[in-house]
Amino acid sequence: MSTSLDDRLALRELVENWAVWRDAADWERFATVWHPTDGWMSATWFQGPAPTSSR
């Protein structure tokens, strides 16, 4: 598989996990989709530093 395709598949998996884990309130796994030191979340219901630990 090409690097470009690998990157696209990895990005798709990341976005899908973000949505599934958010909707399931699986905050421990949800926190893993963010950069550990400077992730930023922008949504209609929240804008700010990305979650870094379980709630």
C-alpha atoms as a PDB file:
ATOM      1  CA  MET A   1       0.000   0.000   0.000  1.00  0.00           C
ATOM      2  CA  SER A   2       1.248   3.490  -0.740  1.00  0.00           C
ATOM      3  CA  THR A   3       2.135   5.918   2.022  1.00  0.00           C
ATOM      4  CA  SER A   4      -0.582   8.274   0.811  1.00  0.00           C
ATOM      5  CA  LEU A   5      -3.225   5.560   1.091  1.00  0.00           C
ATOM      6  CA  ASP A   6      -1.888   4.476   4.491  1.00  0.00           C
ATOM      7  CA  ASP A   7      -2.149   8.072   5.704  1.00  0.00           C
ATOM      8  CA  ARG A   8      -5.681   8.446   4.369  1.00  0.00           C
ATOM      9  CA  LEU A   9      -6.816   5.223   6.028  1.00  0.00           C
ATOM     10  CA  ALA A  10      -5.211   6.214   9.338  1.00  0.00           C
ATOM     11  CA  LEU A  11      -6.916   9.611   9.227  1.00  0.00           C
ATOM     12  CA  ARG A  12     -10.277   8.040   8.429  1.00  0.00           C
ATOM     13  CA  GLU A  13      -9.910   5.615  11.344  1.00  0.00           C
ATOM     14  CA  LEU A  14      -9.009   8.498  13.666  1.00  0.00           C
ATOM     15  CA  VAL A  15     -12.079  10.532  12.685  1.00  0.00           C
ATOM     16  CA  GLU A  16     -14.383   7.515  12.976  1.00  0.00           C
ATOM     17  CA  ASN A  17     -12.989   6.661  16.419  1.00  0.00           C
ATOM     18  CA  TRP A  18     -13.412  10.283  17.510  1.00  0.00           C
ATOM     19  CA  ALA A  19     -17.120  10.209  16.656  1.00  0.00           C
ATOM     20  CA  VAL A  20     -17.844   6.734  18.040  1.00  0.00           C
ATOM     21  CA  TRP A  21     -15.998   7.258  21.312  1.00  0.00           C
ATOM     22  CA  ARG A  22     -17.515  10.724  21.807  1.00  0.00           C
ATOM     23  CA  ASP A  23     -21.048   9.458  21.204  1.00  0.00           C
ATOM     24  CA  ALA A  24     -20.456   6.474  23.504  1.00  0.00           C
ATOM     25  CA  ALA A  25     -19.057   8.765  26.223  1.00  0.00           C
ATOM     26  CA  ASP A  26     -15.922   6.596  26.230  1.00  0.00           C
ATOM     27  CA  TRP A  27     -13.790   9.470  27.493  1.00  0.00           C
ATOM     28  CA  GLU A  28     -10.685   7.401  28.189  1.00  0.00           C
ATOM     29  CA  ARG A  29     -10.380   6.281  24.558  1.00  0.00           C
ATOM     30  CA  PHE A  30     -11.701   9.625  23.273  1.00  0.00           C
ATOM     31  CA  ALA A  31      -8.733  11.375  24.892  1.00  0.00           C
ATOM     32  CA  THR A  32      -6.327   9.217  22.848  1.00  0.00           C
ATOM     33  CA  VAL A  33      -7.270  10.853  19.538  1.00  0.00           C
ATOM     34  CA  TRP A  34      -5.737  14.184  20.580  1.00  0.00           C
ATOM     35  CA  HIS A  35      -2.156  15.415  20.603  1.00  0.00           C
ATOM     36  CA  PRO A  36      -1.096  15.094  24.250  1.00  0.00           C
ATOM     37  CA  THR A  37       0.154  18.661  24.734  1.00  0.00           C
ATOM     38  CA  ASP A  38      -1.566  21.009  22.308  1.00  0.00           C
ATOM     39  CA  GLY A  39      -4.731  19.430  20.933  1.00  0.00           C
ATOM     40  CA  TRP A  40      -7.612  21.830  20.327  1.00  0.00           C
ATOM     41  CA  MET A  41     -11.273  20.929  19.931  1.00  0.00           C
ATOM     42  CA  SER A  42     -13.813  23.041  18.084  1.00  0.00           C
ATOM     43  CA  ALA A  43     -17.419  21.864  18.063  1.00  0.00           C
ATOM     44  CA  THR A  44     -20.787  23.550  18.321  1.00  0.00           C
ATOM     45  CA  TRP A  45     -20.945  22.682  22.010  1.00  0.00           C
ATOM     46  CA  PHE A  46     -17.313  23.206  23.049  1.00  0.00           C
ATOM     47  CA  GLN A  47     -14.218  25.123  21.982  1.00  0.00           C
ATOM     48  CA  GLY A  48     -11.017  24.761  23.928  1.00  0.00           C
ATOM     49  CA  PRO A  49      -8.168  22.469  24.857  1.00  0.00           C
ATOM     50  CA  ALA A  50      -8.781  18.883  23.881  1.00  0.00           C
ATOM     51  CA  PRO A  51      -9.560  16.423  26.646  1.00  0.00           C
ATOM     52  CA  THR A  52      -6.432  14.808  28.062  1.00  0.00           C
ATOM     53  CA  SER A  53      -7.809  12.335  30.585  1.00  0.00           C
ATOM     54  CA  SER A  54     -10.972  10.482  31.459  1.00  0.00           C
ATOM     55  CA  ARG A  55     -13.814  12.472  32.994  1.00  0.00           C
END
